[in-house]
Amino acid sequence: MPRYRAHVAARPSWRCRVCGAGWPCSPARLALLGEYRENRTGLLIYLATLLDEATGDLPSLDPGRLADRFLTWARAR
């Protein structure tokens, strides 16, 4: 049986170590939503902290696109 590999960010590129997609990739988003299912505010604070770090690591990327990548998907619906 295959073992699950966590989809975590490789820094400073902020690409997923498993699938290579921009982190947080779809599997990482699903895992984060599950982990923070009872604490959406905590998830947004965690992601905002990582967004701040990613902005420093990826200065050539548009900050608005990075904010979409890190935060928009996690807002309450």
PDB file of N, CA and C in Angstrom:
ATOM      1  N   MET A   1       0.835  -1.174   0.000  1.00  0.00           N
ATOM      2  CA  MET A   1       0.000   0.000   0.000  1.00  0.00           C
ATOM      3  C   MET A   1       0.885   1.245   0.000  1.00  0.00           C
ATOM      4  N   PRO A   2       0.643   2.194  -0.918  1.00  0.00           N
ATOM      5  CA  PRO A   2       1.481   3.394  -0.971  1.00  0.00           C
ATOM      6  C   PRO A   2       1.302   4.252   0.268  1.00  0.00           C
ATOM      7  N   ARG A   3       2.390   4.816   0.713  1.00  0.00           N
ATOM      8  CA  ARG A   3       2.357   5.697   1.871  1.00  0.00           C
ATOM      9  C   ARG A   3       2.062   7.126   1.416  1.00  0.00           C
ATOM     10  N   TYR A   4       1.229   7.845   2.165  1.00  0.00           N
ATOM     11  CA  TYR A   4       0.895   9.231   1.836  1.00  0.00           C
ATOM     12  C   TYR A   4       2.117  10.115   2.046  1.00  0.00           C
ATOM     13  N   ARG A   5       2.355  10.979   1.085  1.00  0.00           N
ATOM     14  CA  ARG A   5       3.426  11.964   1.204  1.00  0.00           C
ATOM     15  C   ARG A   5       2.797  13.342   1.309  1.00  0.00           C
ATOM     16  N   ALA A   6       3.131  14.043   2.354  1.00  0.00           N
ATOM     17  CA  ALA A   6       2.564  15.376   2.570  1.00  0.00           C
ATOM     18  C   ALA A   6       3.022  16.336   1.477  1.00  0.00           C
ATOM     19  N   HIS A   7       2.109  17.113   1.000  1.00  0.00           N
ATOM     20  CA  HIS A   7       2.395  18.122  -0.021  1.00  0.00           C
ATOM     21  C   HIS A   7       2.816  19.403   0.694  1.00  0.00           C
ATOM     22  N   VAL A   8       4.120  19.560   0.855  1.00  0.00           N
ATOM     23  CA  VAL A   8       4.682  20.709   1.570  1.00  0.00           C
ATOM     24  C   VAL A   8       5.508  21.550   0.614  1.00  0.00           C
ATOM     25  N   ALA A   9       5.717  22.789   0.999  1.00  0.00           N
ATOM     26  CA  ALA A   9       6.440  23.731   0.141  1.00  0.00           C
ATOM     27  C   ALA A   9       7.944  23.518   0.213  1.00  0.00           C
ATOM     28  N   ALA A  10       8.576  23.601  -0.949  1.00  0.00           N
ATOM     29  CA  ALA A  10      10.035  23.643  -1.044  1.00  0.00           C
ATOM     30  C   ALA A  10      10.415  25.114  -1.122  1.00  0.00           C
ATOM     31  N   ARG A  11      11.185  25.541  -0.164  1.00  0.00           N
ATOM     32  CA  ARG A  11      11.579  26.942  -0.161  1.00  0.00           C
ATOM     33  C   ARG A  11      12.987  27.092  -0.692  1.00  0.00           C
ATOM     34  N   PRO A  12      13.268  28.140  -1.411  1.00  0.00           N
ATOM     35  CA  PRO A  12      12.531  29.389  -1.555  1.00  0.00           C
ATOM     36  C   PRO A  12      11.605  29.446  -2.781  1.00  0.00           C
ATOM     37  N   SER A  13      11.444  28.359  -3.502  1.00  0.00           N
ATOM     38  CA  SER A  13      10.634  28.395  -4.721  1.00  0.00           C
ATOM     39  C   SER A  13       9.132  28.373  -4.442  1.00  0.00           C
ATOM     40  N   TRP A  14       8.739  27.883  -3.269  1.00  0.00           N
ATOM     41  CA  TRP A  14       7.333  27.734  -2.901  1.00  0.00           C
ATOM     42  C   TRP A  14       6.590  26.863  -3.899  1.00  0.00           C
ATOM     43  N   ARG A  15       7.268  25.800  -4.362  1.00  0.00           N
ATOM     44  CA  ARG A  15       6.642  24.768  -5.186  1.00  0.00           C
ATOM     45  C   ARG A  15       6.488  23.539  -4.300  1.00  0.00           C
ATOM     46  N   CYS A  16       5.477  22.742  -4.591  1.00  0.00           N
ATOM     47  CA  CYS A  16       5.218  21.542  -3.795  1.00  0.00           C
ATOM     48  C   CYS A  16       6.343  20.530  -3.994  1.00  0.00           C
ATOM     49  N   ARG A  17       6.832  19.955  -2.909  1.00  0.00           N
ATOM     50  CA  ARG A  17       7.897  18.957  -2.981  1.00  0.00           C
ATOM     51  C   ARG A  17       7.435  17.659  -3.632  1.00  0.00           C
ATOM     52  N   VAL A  18       6.126  17.387  -3.631  1.00  0.00           N
ATOM     53  CA  VAL A  18       5.608  16.129  -4.165  1.00  0.00           C
ATOM     54  C   VAL A  18       5.176  16.279  -5.621  1.00  0.00           C
ATOM     55  N   CYS A  19       4.334  17.277  -5.915  1.00  0.00           N
ATOM     56  CA  CYS A  19       3.763  17.379  -7.263  1.00  0.00           C
ATOM     57  C   CYS A  19       4.360  18.499  -8.107  1.00  0.00           C
ATOM     58  N   GLY A  20       5.109  19.408  -7.505  1.00  0.00           N
ATOM     59  CA  GLY A  20       5.760  20.477  -8.245  1.00  0.00           C
ATOM     60  C   GLY A  20       4.888  21.680  -8.542  1.00  0.00           C
ATOM     61  N   ALA A  21       3.626  21.641  -8.166  1.00  0.00           N
ATOM     62  CA  ALA A  21       2.727  22.774  -8.404  1.00  0.00           C
ATOM     63  C   ALA A  21       3.046  23.897  -7.426  1.00  0.00           C
ATOM     64  N   GLY A  22       2.588  25.096  -7.758  1.00  0.00           N
ATOM     65  CA  GLY A  22       2.737  26.216  -6.838  1.00  0.00           C
ATOM     66  C   GLY A  22       2.032  25.891  -5.527  1.00  0.00           C
ATOM     67  N   TRP A  23       2.751  26.075  -4.420  1.00  0.00           N
ATOM     68  CA  TRP A  23       2.177  25.746  -3.125  1.00  0.00           C
ATOM     69  C   TRP A  23       1.387  26.927  -2.595  1.00  0.00           C
ATOM     70  N   PRO A  24       0.246  26.729  -1.994  1.00  0.00           N
ATOM     71  CA  PRO A  24      -0.379  25.459  -1.659  1.00  0.00           C
ATOM     72  C   PRO A  24      -1.107  24.834  -2.850  1.00  0.00           C
ATOM     73  N   CYS A  25      -0.703  23.630  -3.206  1.00  0.00           N
ATOM     74  CA  CYS A  25      -1.319  22.880  -4.297  1.00  0.00           C
ATOM     75  C   CYS A  25      -2.671  22.335  -3.817  1.00  0.00           C
ATOM     76  N   SER A  26      -3.419  21.753  -4.714  1.00  0.00           N
ATOM     77  CA  SER A  26      -4.750  21.237  -4.343  1.00  0.00           C
ATOM     78  C   SER A  26      -4.712  20.241  -3.184  1.00  0.00           C
ATOM     79  N   PRO A  27      -3.812  19.238  -3.212  1.00  0.00           N
ATOM     80  CA  PRO A  27      -3.769  18.319  -2.066  1.00  0.00           C
ATOM     81  C   PRO A  27      -3.405  19.018  -0.751  1.00  0.00           C
ATOM     82  N   ALA A  28      -2.521  20.003  -0.808  1.00  0.00           N
ATOM     83  CA  ALA A  28      -2.158  20.747   0.401  1.00  0.00           C
ATOM     84  C   ALA A  28      -3.352  21.549   0.911  1.00  0.00           C
ATOM     85  N   ARG A  29      -4.108  22.144  -0.001  1.00  0.00           N
ATOM     86  CA  ARG A  29      -5.288  22.909   0.399  1.00  0.00           C
ATOM     87  C   ARG A  29      -6.302  22.006   1.090  1.00  0.00           C
ATOM     88  N   LEU A  30      -6.542  20.849   0.515  1.00  0.00           N
ATOM     89  CA  LEU A  30      -7.482  19.909   1.133  1.00  0.00           C
ATOM     90  C   LEU A  30      -7.017  19.492   2.524  1.00  0.00           C
ATOM     91  N   ALA A  31      -5.729  19.209   2.651  1.00  0.00           N
ATOM     92  CA  ALA A  31      -5.187  18.812   3.954  1.00  0.00           C
ATOM     93  C   ALA A  31      -5.314  19.952   4.965  1.00  0.00           C
ATOM     94  N   LEU A  32      -5.027  21.174   4.540  1.00  0.00           N
ATOM     95  CA  LEU A  32      -5.129  22.326   5.439  1.00  0.00           C
ATOM     96  C   LEU A  32      -6.579  22.572   5.856  1.00  0.00           C
ATOM     97  N   LEU A  33      -7.505  22.448   4.910  1.00  0.00           N
ATOM     98  CA  LEU A  33      -8.922  22.623   5.260  1.00  0.00           C
ATOM     99  C   LEU A  33      -9.357  21.579   6.278  1.00  0.00           C
ATOM    100  N   GLY A  34      -8.881  20.360   6.136  1.00  0.00           N
ATOM    101  CA  GLY A  34      -9.203  19.325   7.108  1.00  0.00           C
ATOM    102  C   GLY A  34      -8.585  19.597   8.459  1.00  0.00           C
ATOM    103  N   GLU A  35      -7.336  20.005   8.455  1.00  0.00           N
ATOM    104  CA  GLU A  35      -6.622  20.269   9.705  1.00  0.00           C
ATOM    105  C   GLU A  35      -7.232  21.440  10.477  1.00  0.00           C
ATOM    106  N   TYR A  36      -7.672  22.450   9.744  1.00  0.00           N
ATOM    107  CA  TYR A  36      -8.220  23.660  10.368  1.00  0.00           C
ATOM    108  C   TYR A  36      -9.746  23.731  10.237  1.00  0.00           C
ATOM    109  N   ARG A  37     -10.412  22.584  10.105  1.00  0.00           N
ATOM    110  CA  ARG A  37     -11.863  22.579   9.833  1.00  0.00           C
ATOM    111  C   ARG A  37     -12.659  23.353  10.873  1.00  0.00           C
ATOM    112  N   GLU A  38     -12.192  23.379  12.092  1.00  0.00           N
ATOM    113  CA  GLU A  38     -12.905  24.083  13.165  1.00  0.00           C
ATOM    114  C   GLU A  38     -12.307  25.458  13.471  1.00  0.00           C
ATOM    115  N   ASN A  39     -11.344  25.892  12.668  1.00  0.00           N
ATOM    116  CA  ASN A  39     -10.652  27.148  12.979  1.00  0.00           C
ATOM    117  C   ASN A  39     -10.218  27.851  11.696  1.00  0.00           C
ATOM    118  N   ARG A  40     -11.196  28.341  10.948  1.00  0.00           N
ATOM    119  CA  ARG A  40     -10.881  29.018   9.678  1.00  0.00           C
ATOM    120  C   ARG A  40     -10.030  30.265   9.916  1.00  0.00           C
ATOM    121  N   THR A  41     -10.274  30.984  11.005  1.00  0.00           N
ATOM    122  CA  THR A  41      -9.473  32.171  11.310  1.00  0.00           C
ATOM    123  C   THR A  41      -8.013  31.778  11.519  1.00  0.00           C
ATOM    124  N   GLY A  42      -7.777  30.694  12.238  1.00  0.00           N
ATOM    125  CA  GLY A  42      -6.414  30.215  12.444  1.00  0.00           C
ATOM    126  C   GLY A  42      -5.742  29.848  11.138  1.00  0.00           C
ATOM    127  N   LEU A  43      -6.496  29.220  10.233  1.00  0.00           N
ATOM    128  CA  LEU A  43      -5.951  28.874   8.911  1.00  0.00           C
ATOM    129  C   LEU A  43      -5.543  30.127   8.158  1.00  0.00           C
ATOM    130  N   LEU A  44      -6.384  31.144   8.166  1.00  0.00           N
ATOM    131  CA  LEU A  44      -6.060  32.380   7.451  1.00  0.00           C
ATOM    132  C   LEU A  44      -4.852  33.085   8.055  1.00  0.00           C
ATOM    133  N   ILE A  45      -4.730  33.051   9.372  1.00  0.00           N
ATOM    134  CA  ILE A  45      -3.552  33.651  10.015  1.00  0.00           C
ATOM    135  C   ILE A  45      -2.293  32.880   9.624  1.00  0.00           C
ATOM    136  N   TYR A  46      -2.361  31.558   9.647  1.00  0.00           N
ATOM    137  CA  TYR A  46      -1.225  30.723   9.252  1.00  0.00           C
ATOM    138  C   TYR A  46      -0.832  31.009   7.805  1.00  0.00           C
ATOM    139  N   LEU A  47      -1.816  31.051   6.912  1.00  0.00           N
ATOM    140  CA  LEU A  47      -1.524  31.296   5.494  1.00  0.00           C
ATOM    141  C   LEU A  47      -0.995  32.703   5.265  1.00  0.00           C
ATOM    142  N   ALA A  48      -1.499  33.686   6.006  1.00  0.00           N
ATOM    143  CA  ALA A  48      -0.997  35.055   5.866  1.00  0.00           C
ATOM    144  C   ALA A  48       0.461  35.141   6.302  1.00  0.00           C
ATOM    145  N   THR A  49       0.819  34.396   7.327  1.00  0.00           N
ATOM    146  CA  THR A  49       2.217  34.359   7.767  1.00  0.00           C
ATOM    147  C   THR A  49       3.104  33.760   6.681  1.00  0.00           C
ATOM    148  N   LEU A  50       2.638  32.670   6.086  1.00  0.00           N
ATOM    149  CA  LEU A  50       3.403  32.053   4.998  1.00  0.00           C
ATOM    150  C   LEU A  50       3.452  32.951   3.764  1.00  0.00           C
ATOM    151  N   LEU A  51       2.362  33.662   3.488  1.00  0.00           N
ATOM    152  CA  LEU A  51       2.342  34.613   2.374  1.00  0.00           C
ATOM    153  C   LEU A  51       3.416  35.671   2.572  1.00  0.00           C
ATOM    154  N   ASP A  52       3.549  36.168   3.782  1.00  0.00           N
ATOM    155  CA  ASP A  52       4.576  37.171   4.071  1.00  0.00           C
ATOM    156  C   ASP A  52       5.973  36.616   3.785  1.00  0.00           C
ATOM    157  N   GLU A  53       6.210  35.369   4.190  1.00  0.00           N
ATOM    158  CA  GLU A  53       7.507  34.746   3.923  1.00  0.00           C
ATOM    159  C   GLU A  53       7.715  34.532   2.423  1.00  0.00           C
ATOM    160  N   ALA A  54       6.668  34.083   1.729  1.00  0.00           N
ATOM    161  CA  ALA A  54       6.775  33.834   0.291  1.00  0.00           C
ATOM    162  C   ALA A  54       7.028  35.132  -0.468  1.00  0.00           C
ATOM    163  N   THR A  55       6.431  36.218  -0.016  1.00  0.00           N
ATOM    164  CA  THR A  55       6.639  37.516  -0.668  1.00  0.00           C
ATOM    165  C   THR A  55       8.110  37.903  -0.602  1.00  0.00           C
ATOM    166  N   GLY A  56       8.758  37.606   0.509  1.00  0.00           N
ATOM    167  CA  GLY A  56      10.192  37.881   0.628  1.00  0.00           C
ATOM    168  C   GLY A  56      11.032  36.961  -0.242  1.00  0.00           C
ATOM    169  N   ASP A  57      10.595  35.695  -0.381  1.00  0.00           N
ATOM    170  CA  ASP A  57      11.349  34.727  -1.187  1.00  0.00           C
ATOM    171  C   ASP A  57      11.123  34.908  -2.687  1.00  0.00           C
ATOM    172  N   LEU A  58       9.978  35.481  -3.056  1.00  0.00           N
ATOM    173  CA  LEU A  58       9.605  35.590  -4.474  1.00  0.00           C
ATOM    174  C   LEU A  58       9.291  37.046  -4.837  1.00  0.00           C
ATOM    175  N   PRO A  59      10.277  37.938  -4.716  1.00  0.00           N
ATOM    176  CA  PRO A  59      10.001  39.365  -4.922  1.00  0.00           C
ATOM    177  C   PRO A  59       9.579  39.708  -6.351  1.00  0.00           C
ATOM    178  N   SER A  60       9.876  38.864  -7.313  1.00  0.00           N
ATOM    179  CA  SER A  60       9.525  39.169  -8.700  1.00  0.00           C
ATOM    180  C   SER A  60       8.075  38.830  -9.037  1.00  0.00           C
ATOM    181  N   LEU A  61       7.389  38.096  -8.162  1.00  0.00           N
ATOM    182  CA  LEU A  61       5.994  37.739  -8.420  1.00  0.00           C
ATOM    183  C   LEU A  61       5.059  38.842  -7.940  1.00  0.00           C
ATOM    184  N   ASP A  62       3.963  39.013  -8.638  1.00  0.00           N
ATOM    185  CA  ASP A  62       2.961  40.009  -8.282  1.00  0.00           C
ATOM    186  C   ASP A  62       2.355  39.685  -6.908  1.00  0.00           C
ATOM    187  N   PRO A  63       2.399  40.633  -5.975  1.00  0.00           N
ATOM    188  CA  PRO A  63       1.853  40.377  -4.638  1.00  0.00           C
ATOM    189  C   PRO A  63       0.365  40.003  -4.655  1.00  0.00           C
ATOM    190  N   GLY A  64      -0.397  40.572  -5.565  1.00  0.00           N
ATOM    191  CA  GLY A  64      -1.811  40.243  -5.656  1.00  0.00           C
ATOM    192  C   GLY A  64      -2.040  38.798  -6.061  1.00  0.00           C
ATOM    193  N   ARG A  65      -1.242  38.315  -6.983  1.00  0.00           N
ATOM    194  CA  ARG A  65      -1.357  36.909  -7.401  1.00  0.00           C
ATOM    195  C   ARG A  65      -0.933  35.977  -6.284  1.00  0.00           C
ATOM    196  N   LEU A  66       0.099  36.366  -5.553  1.00  0.00           N
ATOM    197  CA  LEU A  66       0.510  35.542  -4.414  1.00  0.00           C
ATOM    198  C   LEU A  66      -0.588  35.507  -3.353  1.00  0.00           C
ATOM    199  N   ALA A  67      -1.223  36.645  -3.110  1.00  0.00           N
ATOM    200  CA  ALA A  67      -2.311  36.682  -2.120  1.00  0.00           C
ATOM    201  C   ALA A  67      -3.450  35.769  -2.562  1.00  0.00           C
ATOM    202  N   ASP A  68      -3.776  35.773  -3.848  1.00  0.00           N
ATOM    203  CA  ASP A  68      -4.807  34.866  -4.357  1.00  0.00           C
ATOM    204  C   ASP A  68      -4.396  33.416  -4.125  1.00  0.00           C
ATOM    205  N   ARG A  69      -3.150  33.132  -4.436  1.00  0.00           N
ATOM    206  CA  ARG A  69      -2.638  31.758  -4.309  1.00  0.00           C
ATOM    207  C   ARG A  69      -2.678  31.269  -2.870  1.00  0.00           C
ATOM    208  N   PHE A  70      -2.354  32.149  -1.920  1.00  0.00           N
ATOM    209  CA  PHE A  70      -2.253  31.735  -0.525  1.00  0.00           C
ATOM    210  C   PHE A  70      -3.544  31.912   0.265  1.00  0.00           C
ATOM    211  N   LEU A  71      -4.346  32.917  -0.045  1.00  0.00           N
ATOM    212  CA  LEU A  71      -5.456  33.258   0.846  1.00  0.00           C
ATOM    213  C   LEU A  71      -6.858  33.112   0.266  1.00  0.00           C
ATOM    214  N   THR A  72      -7.055  33.535  -0.959  1.00  0.00           N
ATOM    215  CA  THR A  72      -8.409  33.623  -1.491  1.00  0.00           C
ATOM    216  C   THR A  72      -9.184  32.329  -1.398  1.00  0.00           C
ATOM    217  N   TRP A  73      -8.557  31.210  -1.677  1.00  0.00           N
ATOM    218  CA  TRP A  73      -9.229  29.925  -1.668  1.00  0.00           C
ATOM    219  C   TRP A  73      -9.699  29.526  -0.271  1.00  0.00           C
ATOM    220  N   ALA A  74      -9.074  30.086   0.761  1.00  0.00           N
ATOM    221  CA  ALA A  74      -9.337  29.652   2.130  1.00  0.00           C
ATOM    222  C   ALA A  74     -10.411  30.474   2.850  1.00  0.00           C
ATOM    223  N   ARG A  75     -10.889  31.514   2.204  1.00  0.00           N
ATOM    224  CA  ARG A  75     -11.916  32.330   2.854  1.00  0.00           C
ATOM    225  C   ARG A  75     -13.193  31.529   3.063  1.00  0.00           C
ATOM    226  N   ALA A  76     -13.896  31.875   4.102  1.00  0.00           N
ATOM    227  CA  ALA A  76     -15.179  31.199   4.385  1.00  0.00           C
ATOM    228  C   ALA A  76     -16.165  31.471   3.255  1.00  0.00           C
ATOM    229  N   ARG A  77     -16.971  30.479   2.962  1.00  0.00           N
ATOM    230  CA  ARG A  77     -17.940  30.627   1.876  1.00  0.00           C
ATOM    231  C   ARG A  77     -19.322  30.578   2.404  1.00  0.00           C
TER     232      ARG A  77
END
